[in-house]
N, C-alpha and C. Protein backbone atom coordinates (compact mmCIF):
# COMPACT_ATOMS: atom_id res chain seq x y z
N MET A 1 18.01 7.76 3.21
CA MET A 1 16.61 7.39 3.21
C MET A 1 16.08 7.48 1.79
N PHE A 2 15.01 6.78 1.56
CA PHE A 2 14.41 6.69 0.24
C PHE A 2 14.05 8.06 -0.34
N LEU A 3 13.45 8.92 0.47
CA LEU A 3 13.01 10.22 -0.05
C LEU A 3 14.20 11.08 -0.45
N GLY A 4 15.29 10.95 0.24
CA GLY A 4 16.50 11.68 -0.14
C GLY A 4 17.00 11.25 -1.51
N LYS A 5 16.92 9.96 -1.78
CA LYS A 5 17.33 9.46 -3.09
C LYS A 5 16.39 9.94 -4.18
N VAL A 6 15.09 9.97 -3.86
CA VAL A 6 14.12 10.49 -4.84
C VAL A 6 14.46 11.93 -5.18
N GLU A 7 14.70 12.75 -4.13
CA GLU A 7 15.05 14.16 -4.37
C GLU A 7 16.36 14.28 -5.14
N GLY A 8 17.32 13.47 -4.78
CA GLY A 8 18.63 13.56 -5.41
C GLY A 8 18.64 13.17 -6.87
N HIS A 9 17.79 12.23 -7.24
CA HIS A 9 17.78 11.73 -8.61
C HIS A 9 16.63 12.26 -9.44
N ALA A 10 15.80 13.11 -8.85
CA ALA A 10 14.64 13.64 -9.56
C ALA A 10 15.08 14.54 -10.71
N THR A 11 14.42 14.37 -11.83
CA THR A 11 14.73 15.21 -12.99
C THR A 11 13.66 16.27 -13.19
N THR A 12 12.58 16.19 -12.44
CA THR A 12 11.52 17.20 -12.55
C THR A 12 11.18 17.74 -11.17
N ALA A 13 10.61 18.92 -11.17
CA ALA A 13 10.22 19.55 -9.91
C ALA A 13 9.11 18.75 -9.22
N PHE A 14 8.31 18.04 -10.00
CA PHE A 14 7.20 17.26 -9.43
C PHE A 14 7.71 16.27 -8.40
N TYR A 15 8.73 15.49 -8.73
CA TYR A 15 9.21 14.46 -7.81
C TYR A 15 9.96 15.07 -6.62
N ARG A 16 10.67 16.17 -6.84
CA ARG A 16 11.32 16.85 -5.71
C ARG A 16 10.27 17.38 -4.74
N THR A 17 9.20 17.95 -5.28
CA THR A 17 8.13 18.48 -4.43
C THR A 17 7.39 17.35 -3.73
N LEU A 18 7.13 16.28 -4.44
CA LEU A 18 6.44 15.12 -3.85
C LEU A 18 7.25 14.55 -2.69
N ALA A 19 8.55 14.44 -2.86
CA ALA A 19 9.41 13.93 -1.79
C ALA A 19 9.40 14.86 -0.59
N ALA A 20 9.46 16.16 -0.82
CA ALA A 20 9.45 17.12 0.29
C ALA A 20 8.12 17.08 1.03
N LEU A 21 7.01 17.03 0.30
CA LEU A 21 5.70 16.96 0.94
C LEU A 21 5.53 15.66 1.72
N SER A 22 6.01 14.58 1.16
CA SER A 22 5.92 13.28 1.85
C SER A 22 6.73 13.30 3.14
N ARG A 23 7.92 13.88 3.09
CA ARG A 23 8.76 13.97 4.28
C ARG A 23 8.06 14.79 5.36
N GLU A 24 7.47 15.91 4.98
CA GLU A 24 6.77 16.75 5.95
C GLU A 24 5.57 16.03 6.54
N ALA A 25 4.84 15.29 5.73
CA ALA A 25 3.67 14.56 6.23
C ALA A 25 4.10 13.47 7.20
N ILE A 26 5.17 12.77 6.90
CA ILE A 26 5.67 11.71 7.78
C ILE A 26 6.15 12.31 9.10
N GLN A 27 6.82 13.45 9.05
CA GLN A 27 7.28 14.11 10.27
C GLN A 27 6.10 14.55 11.13
N ALA A 28 5.05 15.05 10.49
CA ALA A 28 3.86 15.48 11.24
C ALA A 28 3.18 14.29 11.91
N MET A 29 3.08 13.18 11.19
CA MET A 29 2.48 11.97 11.78
C MET A 29 3.32 11.47 12.94
N TRP A 30 4.65 11.48 12.79
CA TRP A 30 5.55 11.04 13.86
C TRP A 30 5.37 11.90 15.10
N TYR A 31 5.27 13.21 14.89
CA TYR A 31 5.08 14.13 16.00
C TYR A 31 3.76 13.83 16.72
N GLU A 32 2.69 13.65 15.96
CA GLU A 32 1.38 13.37 16.55
C GLU A 32 1.38 12.05 17.32
N LEU A 33 2.02 11.04 16.78
CA LEU A 33 2.08 9.75 17.47
C LEU A 33 2.87 9.86 18.77
N ASN A 34 3.99 10.58 18.74
CA ASN A 34 4.78 10.77 19.96
C ASN A 34 4.01 11.56 21.00
N GLU A 35 3.29 12.58 20.55
CA GLU A 35 2.50 13.39 21.47
C GLU A 35 1.39 12.55 22.11
N ALA A 36 0.73 11.73 21.32
CA ALA A 36 -0.33 10.87 21.85
C ALA A 36 0.24 9.86 22.84
N ALA A 37 1.41 9.32 22.54
CA ALA A 37 2.04 8.36 23.44
C ALA A 37 2.43 9.02 24.75
N ASP A 38 2.95 10.25 24.65
CA ASP A 38 3.32 10.98 25.88
C ASP A 38 2.10 11.26 26.73
N GLU A 39 1.00 11.63 26.11
CA GLU A 39 -0.25 11.88 26.87
C GLU A 39 -0.75 10.60 27.52
N ARG A 40 -0.67 9.50 26.79
CA ARG A 40 -1.12 8.22 27.32
C ARG A 40 -0.24 7.80 28.50
N ASP A 41 1.06 8.01 28.39
CA ASP A 41 1.98 7.68 29.48
C ASP A 41 1.72 8.56 30.70
N ALA A 42 1.41 9.82 30.48
CA ALA A 42 1.13 10.75 31.58
C ALA A 42 -0.16 10.35 32.30
N ASP A 43 -1.12 9.84 31.55
CA ASP A 43 -2.38 9.41 32.16
C ASP A 43 -2.18 8.16 33.03
N LYS A 44 -1.22 7.32 32.68
CA LYS A 44 -0.97 6.09 33.45
C LYS A 44 -0.26 6.41 34.76
N ALA A 45 0.49 7.49 34.78
CA ALA A 45 1.28 7.81 35.98
C ALA A 45 0.44 8.40 37.10
């Protein structure tokens, strides 16, 4: 994935930290979207 390459080729701590924070933010958004979809599906049933 792109963020892994950024971390792997980063020469400064800034880009390694930016990649890690971005990954965590994307994971949190994914979790929230899945949770909302599950709630929506439960309401339809």
